[in-house]
């Protein structure tokens, strides 16, 4: 039995239109972290693939570790260069902007429904 960790990709997170957009829930922080991690690995995908190809070209895993050490170091350094707090802050800013847009939309819908309710009275 394989366990597949379910991420938050494609999950609609609830937004309270009365809360400031910069207040982040633990689930939103998790979404930010997952996005940050995915983008770091996506930016270094070519180096990771080069390391995998190098290591797969040897039958003996010890030979692969020894001979592909430089490729492994390049891929790890690349990922580490993108896993810095400045990139995490960028992801936070993106999510906060998304929340602001969603809150604006929800407020608009609330005003429309209140106006419709007032007209029907």
N, C-alpha and C. Protein backbone atom coordinates (compact mmCIF):
# COMPACT_ATOMS: atom_id res chain seq x y z
N UNK A 1 0.85 -1.18 0.00
CA UNK A 1 0.00 0.00 0.00
C UNK A 1 0.89 1.23 0.00
N UNK A 2 0.73 2.09 -0.98
CA UNK A 2 1.53 3.30 -1.01
C UNK A 2 0.70 4.48 -0.51
N UNK A 3 1.35 5.29 0.24
CA UNK A 3 0.68 6.45 0.83
C UNK A 3 1.00 7.68 -0.01
N UNK A 4 -0.02 8.28 -0.56
CA UNK A 4 0.15 9.50 -1.34
C UNK A 4 -0.25 10.68 -0.47
N UNK A 5 0.70 11.55 -0.21
CA UNK A 5 0.40 12.74 0.59
C UNK A 5 -0.44 13.68 -0.25
N UNK A 6 -1.57 14.07 0.30
CA UNK A 6 -2.45 14.97 -0.43
C UNK A 6 -2.02 16.40 -0.16
N UNK A 7 -1.73 17.12 -1.21
CA UNK A 7 -1.35 18.52 -1.07
C UNK A 7 -2.55 19.43 -1.16
N UNK A 8 -2.29 20.70 -1.19
CA UNK A 8 -3.35 21.69 -1.26
C UNK A 8 -3.53 22.23 -2.68
N UNK A 9 -2.94 21.57 -3.65
CA UNK A 9 -3.05 22.01 -5.03
C UNK A 9 -4.49 21.87 -5.50
N UNK A 10 -5.06 22.94 -5.95
CA UNK A 10 -6.42 22.91 -6.46
C UNK A 10 -7.48 22.98 -5.37
N UNK A 11 -7.07 23.11 -4.12
CA UNK A 11 -8.02 23.19 -3.01
C UNK A 11 -8.36 24.66 -2.78
N UNK A 12 -9.62 24.94 -2.70
CA UNK A 12 -10.08 26.31 -2.46
C UNK A 12 -10.05 26.56 -0.96
N UNK A 13 -9.17 27.45 -0.52
CA UNK A 13 -9.08 27.76 0.90
C UNK A 13 -10.11 28.84 1.25
N UNK A 14 -10.77 28.71 2.39
CA UNK A 14 -11.77 29.71 2.76
C UNK A 14 -11.13 31.05 3.06
N UNK A 15 -11.81 32.11 2.69
CA UNK A 15 -11.33 33.46 2.94
C UNK A 15 -12.43 34.23 3.64
N UNK A 16 -12.10 34.80 4.77
CA UNK A 16 -13.04 35.64 5.50
C UNK A 16 -12.87 37.06 5.00
N UNK A 17 -13.90 37.66 4.39
CA UNK A 17 -13.75 39.01 3.84
C UNK A 17 -13.54 40.07 4.90
N UNK A 18 -13.79 39.74 6.17
CA UNK A 18 -13.63 40.72 7.24
C UNK A 18 -12.25 40.68 7.90
N UNK A 19 -11.47 39.66 7.60
CA UNK A 19 -10.11 39.54 8.15
C UNK A 19 -9.12 40.23 7.22
N UNK A 20 -8.09 40.85 7.78
CA UNK A 20 -7.05 41.43 6.91
C UNK A 20 -6.40 40.32 6.08
N UNK A 21 -6.04 40.65 4.86
CA UNK A 21 -5.48 39.64 3.95
C UNK A 21 -4.13 39.13 4.43
N UNK A 22 -3.42 39.93 5.19
CA UNK A 22 -2.09 39.52 5.63
C UNK A 22 -2.13 38.54 6.80
N UNK A 23 -3.31 38.27 7.36
CA UNK A 23 -3.43 37.26 8.41
C UNK A 23 -3.54 35.90 7.72
N UNK A 24 -2.53 35.07 7.92
CA UNK A 24 -2.47 33.78 7.24
C UNK A 24 -2.77 32.65 8.21
N UNK A 25 -3.57 31.71 7.75
CA UNK A 25 -3.89 30.53 8.56
C UNK A 25 -2.76 29.50 8.41
N UNK A 26 -2.70 28.52 9.30
CA UNK A 26 -1.68 27.47 9.15
C UNK A 26 -1.79 26.73 7.82
N UNK A 27 -3.01 26.51 7.32
CA UNK A 27 -3.16 25.85 6.02
C UNK A 27 -2.58 26.72 4.90
N UNK A 28 -2.81 28.02 4.99
CA UNK A 28 -2.26 28.92 3.98
C UNK A 28 -0.74 28.95 4.05
N UNK A 29 -0.18 28.90 5.25
CA UNK A 29 1.27 28.82 5.39
C UNK A 29 1.79 27.53 4.76
N UNK A 30 1.06 26.44 4.92
CA UNK A 30 1.45 25.17 4.32
C UNK A 30 1.41 25.27 2.79
N UNK A 31 0.39 25.91 2.26
CA UNK A 31 0.29 26.11 0.81
C UNK A 31 1.48 26.92 0.32
N UNK A 32 1.82 27.97 1.04
CA UNK A 32 2.96 28.81 0.67
C UNK A 32 4.23 27.98 0.65
N UNK A 33 4.43 27.17 1.68
CA UNK A 33 5.64 26.35 1.76
C UNK A 33 5.69 25.34 0.62
N UNK A 34 4.57 24.71 0.31
CA UNK A 34 4.54 23.74 -0.79
C UNK A 34 4.85 24.41 -2.13
N UNK A 35 4.27 25.57 -2.37
CA UNK A 35 4.56 26.30 -3.61
C UNK A 35 6.03 26.66 -3.70
N UNK A 36 6.58 27.15 -2.60
CA UNK A 36 7.98 27.55 -2.52
C UNK A 36 8.88 26.37 -2.86
N UNK A 37 8.59 25.22 -2.25
CA UNK A 37 9.39 24.02 -2.47
C UNK A 37 9.29 23.55 -3.93
N UNK A 38 8.08 23.51 -4.46
CA UNK A 38 7.88 23.07 -5.85
C UNK A 38 8.63 23.97 -6.82
N UNK A 39 8.56 25.27 -6.61
CA UNK A 39 9.23 26.19 -7.51
C UNK A 39 10.74 26.05 -7.42
N UNK A 40 11.27 25.81 -6.23
CA UNK A 40 12.71 25.62 -6.08
C UNK A 40 13.17 24.40 -6.87
N UNK A 41 12.44 23.30 -6.75
CA UNK A 41 12.83 22.09 -7.48
C UNK A 41 12.58 22.24 -8.98
N UNK A 42 11.55 22.97 -9.36
CA UNK A 42 11.27 23.17 -10.79
C UNK A 42 12.37 24.00 -11.45
N UNK A 43 12.89 24.99 -10.72
CA UNK A 43 13.95 25.84 -11.28
C UNK A 43 15.25 25.07 -11.47
N UNK A 44 15.45 24.02 -10.69
CA UNK A 44 16.68 23.24 -10.76
C UNK A 44 16.47 21.87 -11.41
N UNK A 45 15.36 21.70 -12.06
CA UNK A 45 14.99 20.40 -12.63
C UNK A 45 16.04 19.87 -13.60
N UNK A 46 16.61 20.73 -14.41
CA UNK A 46 17.60 20.27 -15.39
C UNK A 46 18.84 19.70 -14.71
N UNK A 47 19.26 20.29 -13.59
CA UNK A 47 20.43 19.78 -12.87
C UNK A 47 20.10 18.47 -12.14
N UNK A 48 18.91 18.39 -11.61
CA UNK A 48 18.49 17.16 -10.92
C UNK A 48 18.42 16.01 -11.93
N UNK A 49 17.86 16.29 -13.10
CA UNK A 49 17.78 15.25 -14.14
C UNK A 49 19.17 14.83 -14.60
N UNK A 50 20.10 15.78 -14.70
CA UNK A 50 21.47 15.44 -15.09
C UNK A 50 22.11 14.51 -14.06
N UNK A 51 21.87 14.78 -12.79
CA UNK A 51 22.40 13.90 -11.74
C UNK A 51 21.78 12.51 -11.81
N UNK A 52 20.48 12.44 -12.02
CA UNK A 52 19.80 11.14 -12.11
C UNK A 52 20.33 10.35 -13.29
N UNK A 53 20.50 11.01 -14.43
CA UNK A 53 21.05 10.32 -15.61
C UNK A 53 22.46 9.82 -15.34
N UNK A 54 23.26 10.66 -14.69
CA UNK A 54 24.63 10.26 -14.37
C UNK A 54 24.62 9.04 -13.44
N UNK A 55 23.83 9.10 -12.39
CA UNK A 55 23.83 8.00 -11.42
C UNK A 55 23.22 6.72 -12.00
N UNK A 56 22.30 6.85 -12.93
CA UNK A 56 21.71 5.66 -13.56
C UNK A 56 22.65 5.01 -14.57
N UNK A 57 23.69 5.70 -14.97
CA UNK A 57 24.62 5.14 -15.95
C UNK A 57 25.60 4.15 -15.32
N UNK A 58 25.60 4.03 -14.00
CA UNK A 58 26.49 3.10 -13.31
C UNK A 58 25.66 2.00 -12.66
N UNK A 59 26.17 0.77 -12.76
CA UNK A 59 25.47 -0.35 -12.13
C UNK A 59 25.71 -0.38 -10.63
N UNK A 60 26.90 -0.04 -10.23
CA UNK A 60 27.26 -0.05 -8.82
C UNK A 60 26.91 1.31 -8.20
N UNK A 61 26.06 1.34 -7.18
CA UNK A 61 25.67 2.61 -6.57
C UNK A 61 26.85 3.37 -5.96
N UNK A 62 27.85 2.65 -5.48
CA UNK A 62 29.01 3.33 -4.90
C UNK A 62 29.79 4.07 -5.98
N UNK A 63 29.92 3.45 -7.16
CA UNK A 63 30.57 4.14 -8.27
C UNK A 63 29.79 5.39 -8.66
N UNK A 64 28.49 5.26 -8.69
CA UNK A 64 27.64 6.39 -9.06
C UNK A 64 27.80 7.53 -8.07
N UNK A 65 27.84 7.20 -6.78
CA UNK A 65 28.00 8.25 -5.76
C UNK A 65 29.33 8.97 -5.92
N UNK A 66 30.37 8.19 -6.22
CA UNK A 66 31.70 8.76 -6.33
C UNK A 66 31.85 9.59 -7.60
N UNK A 67 31.39 9.04 -8.72
CA UNK A 67 31.63 9.69 -10.01
C UNK A 67 30.63 10.80 -10.33
N UNK A 68 29.48 10.79 -9.67
CA UNK A 68 28.47 11.83 -9.93
C UNK A 68 28.39 12.84 -8.80
N UNK A 69 29.41 12.89 -7.99
CA UNK A 69 29.40 13.78 -6.83
C UNK A 69 29.28 15.24 -7.25
N UNK A 70 29.96 15.62 -8.32
CA UNK A 70 29.91 17.02 -8.77
C UNK A 70 28.50 17.39 -9.25
N UNK A 71 27.88 16.49 -9.99
CA UNK A 71 26.51 16.75 -10.48
C UNK A 71 25.54 16.84 -9.31
N UNK A 72 25.73 15.99 -8.32
CA UNK A 72 24.87 16.02 -7.13
C UNK A 72 25.05 17.34 -6.38
N UNK A 73 26.28 17.77 -6.23
CA UNK A 73 26.55 19.02 -5.52
C UNK A 73 25.93 20.20 -6.25
N UNK A 74 26.03 20.22 -7.58
CA UNK A 74 25.42 21.31 -8.36
C UNK A 74 23.91 21.36 -8.16
N UNK A 75 23.28 20.18 -8.19
CA UNK A 75 21.82 20.16 -8.03
C UNK A 75 21.42 20.58 -6.62
N UNK A 76 22.14 20.12 -5.61
CA UNK A 76 21.82 20.51 -4.23
C UNK A 76 22.07 22.00 -3.99
N UNK A 77 23.15 22.53 -4.56
CA UNK A 77 23.44 23.96 -4.41
C UNK A 77 22.37 24.81 -5.08
N UNK A 78 21.90 24.34 -6.23
CA UNK A 78 20.86 25.08 -6.94
C UNK A 78 19.58 25.13 -6.11
N UNK A 79 19.16 23.99 -5.59
CA UNK A 79 17.95 23.95 -4.77
C UNK A 79 18.12 24.83 -3.53
N UNK A 80 19.28 24.74 -2.90
CA UNK A 80 19.53 25.54 -1.69
C UNK A 80 19.51 27.03 -2.00
N UNK A 81 19.94 27.41 -3.20
CA UNK A 81 19.94 28.83 -3.54
C UNK A 81 18.53 29.39 -3.68
N UNK A 82 17.57 28.54 -4.01
CA UNK A 82 16.18 29.00 -4.14
C UNK A 82 15.36 28.76 -2.87
N UNK A 83 15.90 28.01 -1.93
CA UNK A 83 15.18 27.78 -0.69
C UNK A 83 15.65 28.76 0.38
N UNK A 84 15.51 30.03 0.06
CA UNK A 84 15.85 31.10 0.99
C UNK A 84 14.59 31.84 1.37
N UNK A 85 14.66 32.55 2.47
CA UNK A 85 13.48 33.24 2.99
C UNK A 85 12.95 34.30 2.04
N UNK A 86 13.81 34.89 1.23
CA UNK A 86 13.32 35.92 0.29
C UNK A 86 12.32 35.32 -0.71
N UNK A 87 12.56 34.08 -1.13
CA UNK A 87 11.63 33.42 -2.05
C UNK A 87 10.35 33.00 -1.33
N UNK A 88 10.49 32.63 -0.05
CA UNK A 88 9.31 32.30 0.75
C UNK A 88 8.44 33.55 0.93
N UNK A 89 9.09 34.69 1.16
CA UNK A 89 8.35 35.95 1.29
C UNK A 89 7.64 36.31 -0.01
N UNK A 90 8.27 36.03 -1.14
CA UNK A 90 7.62 36.27 -2.44
C UNK A 90 6.35 35.44 -2.55
N UNK A 91 6.42 34.18 -2.14
CA UNK A 91 5.23 33.31 -2.19
C UNK A 91 4.14 33.82 -1.25
N UNK A 92 4.55 34.33 -0.08
CA UNK A 92 3.57 34.92 0.84
C UNK A 92 2.88 36.11 0.17
N UNK A 93 3.67 36.96 -0.47
CA UNK A 93 3.10 38.14 -1.14
C UNK A 93 2.11 37.72 -2.22
N UNK A 94 2.43 36.68 -2.96
CA UNK A 94 1.54 36.19 -4.02
C UNK A 94 0.22 35.71 -3.41
N UNK A 95 0.31 34.93 -2.33
CA UNK A 95 -0.92 34.42 -1.70
C UNK A 95 -1.74 35.56 -1.10
N UNK A 96 -1.08 36.54 -0.49
CA UNK A 96 -1.80 37.68 0.09
C UNK A 96 -2.52 38.45 -1.01
N UNK A 97 -1.86 38.62 -2.14
CA UNK A 97 -2.51 39.30 -3.27
C UNK A 97 -3.71 38.51 -3.77
N UNK A 98 -3.58 37.19 -3.85
CA UNK A 98 -4.71 36.35 -4.25
C UNK A 98 -5.87 36.48 -3.26
N UNK A 99 -5.54 36.53 -1.96
CA UNK A 99 -6.58 36.70 -0.95
C UNK A 99 -7.27 38.05 -1.08
N UNK A 100 -6.51 39.09 -1.38
CA UNK A 100 -7.12 40.42 -1.54
C UNK A 100 -8.11 40.44 -2.69
N UNK A 101 -7.74 39.82 -3.78
CA UNK A 101 -8.63 39.75 -4.94
C UNK A 101 -9.89 38.97 -4.57
N UNK A 102 -9.71 37.84 -3.89
CA UNK A 102 -10.85 37.02 -3.50
C UNK A 102 -11.74 37.76 -2.51
N UNK A 103 -11.15 38.48 -1.56
CA UNK A 103 -11.94 39.24 -0.59
C UNK A 103 -12.74 40.34 -1.28
N UNK A 104 -12.11 40.99 -2.24
CA UNK A 104 -12.81 42.05 -2.98
C UNK A 104 -14.03 41.46 -3.70
N UNK A 105 -13.84 40.30 -4.31
CA UNK A 105 -14.93 39.62 -5.00
C UNK A 105 -16.04 39.23 -4.02
N UNK A 106 -15.66 38.69 -2.85
CA UNK A 106 -16.66 38.28 -1.86
C UNK A 106 -17.43 39.48 -1.31
N UNK A 107 -16.73 40.58 -1.08
CA UNK A 107 -17.43 41.79 -0.61
C UNK A 107 -18.43 42.28 -1.64
N UNK A 108 -18.03 42.23 -2.91
CA UNK A 108 -18.92 42.64 -4.00
C UNK A 108 -20.17 41.77 -4.01
N UNK A 109 -19.97 40.46 -3.90
CA UNK A 109 -21.10 39.53 -3.88
C UNK A 109 -22.01 39.78 -2.67
N UNK A 110 -21.43 40.07 -1.52
CA UNK A 110 -22.23 40.35 -0.32
C UNK A 110 -23.06 41.61 -0.51
N UNK A 111 -22.46 42.65 -1.10
CA UNK A 111 -23.21 43.89 -1.36
C UNK A 111 -24.35 43.65 -2.33
N UNK A 112 -24.08 42.86 -3.37
CA UNK A 112 -25.13 42.55 -4.35
C UNK A 112 -26.27 41.76 -3.70
N UNK A 113 -25.94 40.79 -2.86
CA UNK A 113 -27.00 40.00 -2.22
C UNK A 113 -27.77 40.84 -1.21
N UNK A 114 -27.10 41.76 -0.52
CA UNK A 114 -27.79 42.64 0.42
C UNK A 114 -28.71 43.60 -0.33
N UNK A 115 -28.24 44.11 -1.47
CA UNK A 115 -29.07 45.01 -2.27
C UNK A 115 -30.29 44.27 -2.82
N UNK A 116 -30.09 43.04 -3.26
CA UNK A 116 -31.21 42.25 -3.77
C UNK A 116 -32.21 41.94 -2.65
N UNK A 117 -31.72 41.68 -1.46
CA UNK A 117 -32.61 41.41 -0.32
C UNK A 117 -33.38 42.66 0.07
N UNK A 118 -32.73 43.82 -0.01
CA UNK A 118 -33.39 45.08 0.34
C UNK A 118 -34.47 45.43 -0.69
N UNK A 119 -34.22 45.12 -1.96
CA UNK A 119 -35.20 45.40 -3.02
C UNK A 119 -36.42 44.50 -2.89
N UNK A 120 -36.22 43.27 -2.45
CA UNK A 120 -37.34 42.33 -2.37
C UNK A 120 -38.25 42.61 -1.17
N UNK A 121 -37.80 43.44 -0.24
CA UNK A 121 -38.64 43.77 0.93
C UNK A 121 -39.63 44.80 0.60
